[in-house]
C-alpha cells in the first residue's frame, strides 16, 4: 500500500514539474527525488538501478554555466 501511495505522489509531483512549478520548482524537485529514493528503498521498482540513475539525474544541474 505504501508503494502505491509513493508511486501516486511521484506521478503527481512529476506532473507538477511538467506543468511548471514556478517558484516551487526546486522544492518540488527535492520532494520528487526523495519520493523516488523511498520507492527504491521500498523495493518496489522493477529495476532499482534504472530508478537510482533517474534519481541521480534529477539532482544534476541542467544548463548551468560555470562561472570563472
Protein backbone atom coordinates (compact mmCIF):
# COMPACT_ATOMS: atom_id res chain seq x y z
CA UNK A 1 0.00 0.00 0.00
CA UNK A 2 2.84 2.42 0.81
CA UNK A 3 4.36 1.67 -2.60
CA UNK A 4 1.10 2.67 -4.31
CA UNK A 5 0.91 5.91 -2.35
CA UNK A 6 4.54 6.77 -3.13
CA UNK A 7 4.01 5.96 -6.80
CA UNK A 8 0.94 8.20 -6.95
CA UNK A 9 2.82 11.01 -5.20
CA UNK A 10 5.79 10.68 -7.58
CA UNK A 11 3.45 10.91 -10.56
CA UNK A 12 1.69 13.97 -9.12
CA UNK A 13 5.00 15.71 -8.41
CA UNK A 14 6.36 14.90 -11.86
CA UNK A 15 3.21 16.30 -13.46
CA UNK A 16 3.53 19.44 -11.35
CA UNK A 17 7.07 19.91 -12.66
CA UNK A 18 5.94 19.27 -16.25
CA UNK A 19 3.19 21.86 -15.89
CA UNK A 20 5.63 24.40 -14.49
CA UNK A 21 6.03 24.61 -10.74
CA UNK A 22 7.09 28.25 -10.85
CA UNK A 23 8.93 29.39 -7.75
CA UNK A 24 8.37 25.97 -6.16
CA UNK A 25 10.39 24.10 -8.81
CA UNK A 26 13.35 23.40 -6.53
CA UNK A 27 11.15 22.25 -3.65
CA UNK A 28 9.00 20.04 -5.88
CA UNK A 29 12.15 18.54 -7.42
CA UNK A 30 13.55 17.71 -3.99
CA UNK A 31 10.27 16.10 -2.96
CA UNK A 32 10.17 14.05 -6.16
CA UNK A 33 13.77 12.93 -5.66
CA UNK A 34 13.02 11.92 -2.05
CA UNK A 35 9.90 10.09 -3.15
CA UNK A 36 11.76 8.17 -5.86
CA UNK A 37 14.51 7.35 -3.39
CA UNK A 38 11.93 5.96 -0.98
CA UNK A 39 10.48 3.85 -3.79
CA UNK A 40 13.95 2.44 -4.49
CA UNK A 41 14.47 1.56 -0.84
CA UNK A 42 10.98 0.07 -0.69
CA UNK A 43 12.00 -2.44 -3.34
CA UNK A 44 9.01 -1.56 -5.47
CA UNK A 45 11.00 -0.73 -8.57
CA UNK A 46 11.30 -3.41 -11.21
CA UNK A 47 14.85 -2.25 -11.95
CA UNK A 48 16.30 -0.34 -8.99
CA UNK A 49 19.47 0.57 -10.91
CA UNK A 50 17.47 2.47 -13.52
CA UNK A 51 15.48 4.27 -10.84
CA UNK A 52 18.67 5.19 -8.94
CA UNK A 53 20.08 6.53 -12.21
CA UNK A 54 16.95 8.66 -12.70
CA UNK A 55 17.15 9.99 -9.15
CA UNK A 56 20.80 10.88 -9.71
CA UNK A 57 19.92 12.70 -12.92
CA UNK A 58 17.26 14.72 -11.11
CA UNK A 59 19.89 16.09 -8.76
CA UNK A 60 22.26 17.02 -11.58
CA UNK A 61 22.28 20.71 -12.55
CA UNK A 62 20.97 21.29 -16.05
CA UNK A 63 22.18 24.13 -18.22
CA UNK A 64 24.35 25.64 -15.54
CA UNK A 65 27.28 27.59 -16.93
CA UNK A 66 30.45 27.51 -14.84
CA UNK A 67 31.39 30.93 -13.54
CA UNK A 68 35.06 31.94 -13.77
